[in-house]
Amino acid sequence: MLPFLLSLSLLAPAAFIRAPINALPGLPKLKRRQEEIDVANQKAGTSYTIDFEIGTPAQKVTLILDTGSPDLWVNPTCETSGQPEYCASFPVFDYNSSTTIVDLKVADVLSYGKGNVTIEYVTDTVTIGSAVIKKQILGIGFGSHDIPMGILGLSTSVNPDPAASYPYVLDNMATQGLINSRAFSLDLRSVDNPNGAIIFGGVDTGKFIGTLEKLPILDPADTPSGADRYWVTLAGVGLTFPNGSSETGSNSLDIPIFLDSGGTLSRLPTKVFNWIGENIPGAQFDTASGFYIVDCSLASQEGSVDFLFGSKTIQVAWADFIWEIQGVCVVGVLPEDTEPVFGDSFLRAAYVVYDQDNRNLHLAQAANCGSTIVAIKSGKDAVPSSAGECKTTEPPRAASASATASGSPAEITGGGGLPGPAGTGTGTAPVPTGGATGTATGGATAATGTSTSKSGAAPTLGAGLGAMIAFGALGAVNVAAMAM
């Protein structure tokens, strides 16, 4: 009977994949997508990473999880990463040892605003828990700057030309039957409670309060960047004070804002930035740094910054919104009028479901009261309407550190296509110096923006992968040929 049951289980389709996300503390000089600051506390320097296995035999890699770019690539150049010791602490993928790797002989340069990488595209086997993706296109880095780790991109393609994109990790999971639709949920944690999770094809109702608010992903034409990313509409902003009173700034903002797990700080329109700073008790604007400076004791009080989406309010605790930088405590947000973005400071407070197939994001207040994973189905309204099981935002408990998948191990065959650009831009956040105070009158020094994919002839890179052909010189490429 046991062999028969096992044979049945092998036929059962996998519905979701759960993989742990690690919150890693940063280094004193942490260069992230949107800012370069001296980090005096671990919270301000958190990177969210995920462990994969690539190749045959499988080799472990650790990658930054990024909802702001679509590409998967490995092997940054540690010598020019800006954080060589940190970079060198993670494993390198030895492509010469993989028996399943195929060189596509296509090169590209991915620019992330603060940092870039020259890659060559290959296909190889990618393993997440018990889920196996065959012929997944990924990039092997052969020269990078200011990027200490490889990246798992989870955005839609940022290239407006459909012919210049290819099946990304989420695409292959769905089209080959590993999950039911191109959707995933994200539960980030702080370094004090570092074990969050990403669930491909599922929702964990033990990680949020109330119902999920469905928000349409804005069409590229309606966004500041014109790129197809996770843009939604911010309706309002308010504050809740330690004594329980609250104040509303506006409930009719209608501001497009981009959710980006690859960014640390949030950047908000100047009028919102100033309203928050002017209404947090004792905050003073520092013109030299561009931050609002506050008393550090405020971070231990029970206040929150509140953001309204549709009918759902997400409350970000002051403890997550007030950061210490070189002995000075600041409100952890910067002004940005061109391309506002919610980074990790917001995403730690929100449970977010990203539904690419239906072009919706679903938001709820993050919490932790156990774990009950419900599979996301396919078709319209695929994300389950189940309410969260949590009643309060109790301190999160540590989750399991092993990746799991529903159903049995599966092998899926990926397709191919022409690689395109990825990433977002960056700005610079100077360190507070205690200079003159006032009110911010403009956006940040540099806006979050669309990255570029540089074209033209590429040098020969990497031993054992052969000559490369630059992306820009290829023109149209037969998709079937890329998948061979």
Foldseek 3Di string as FASTA:
>chain_A
DVVVVVVVLQPDFFAKWKFKKFWDFADQFADFLAATAGAPDRQLRTFIWTWKFWAVVTDIWIATEKQFKAAFEWDEDLVQQVHNVLLVVTDHDDVVPGPQKAFLQEWWWFDAAQKIFIWTWIFTWMGFFLAIEGGAIHTYTFYMHNHSTTHHYLWDHQDPDPQQAFQTPLNQCCVQRNHAASKKKWAQAGNVQTITMIMGQKDWLQWFFWWWDKFFQDQLVPALFSTRGRKTFWQFKKKAFLVGDIGTDGRGPRHIEGEIQRDSFWAEAQVVQQVVQVPDPPWWQFPVQQWTFDDPVQLVGAMWMWIDGPNAIFTQGSVLQWRAGPNTITGRYHYADRHTYDYPSRSNQWIWMQGPVRRIIIIGGTAGDDTDMDGQHDDPPRHDRDGRPDDDRDPHDHDDNHMGIPGGRDYGYGFFGNHAYIHWHYAYGYTGDPHDTDGDDHGGPDHIHGIHMDFDADDAGDPPSDNHGYSNPPPRDDRRVSRD
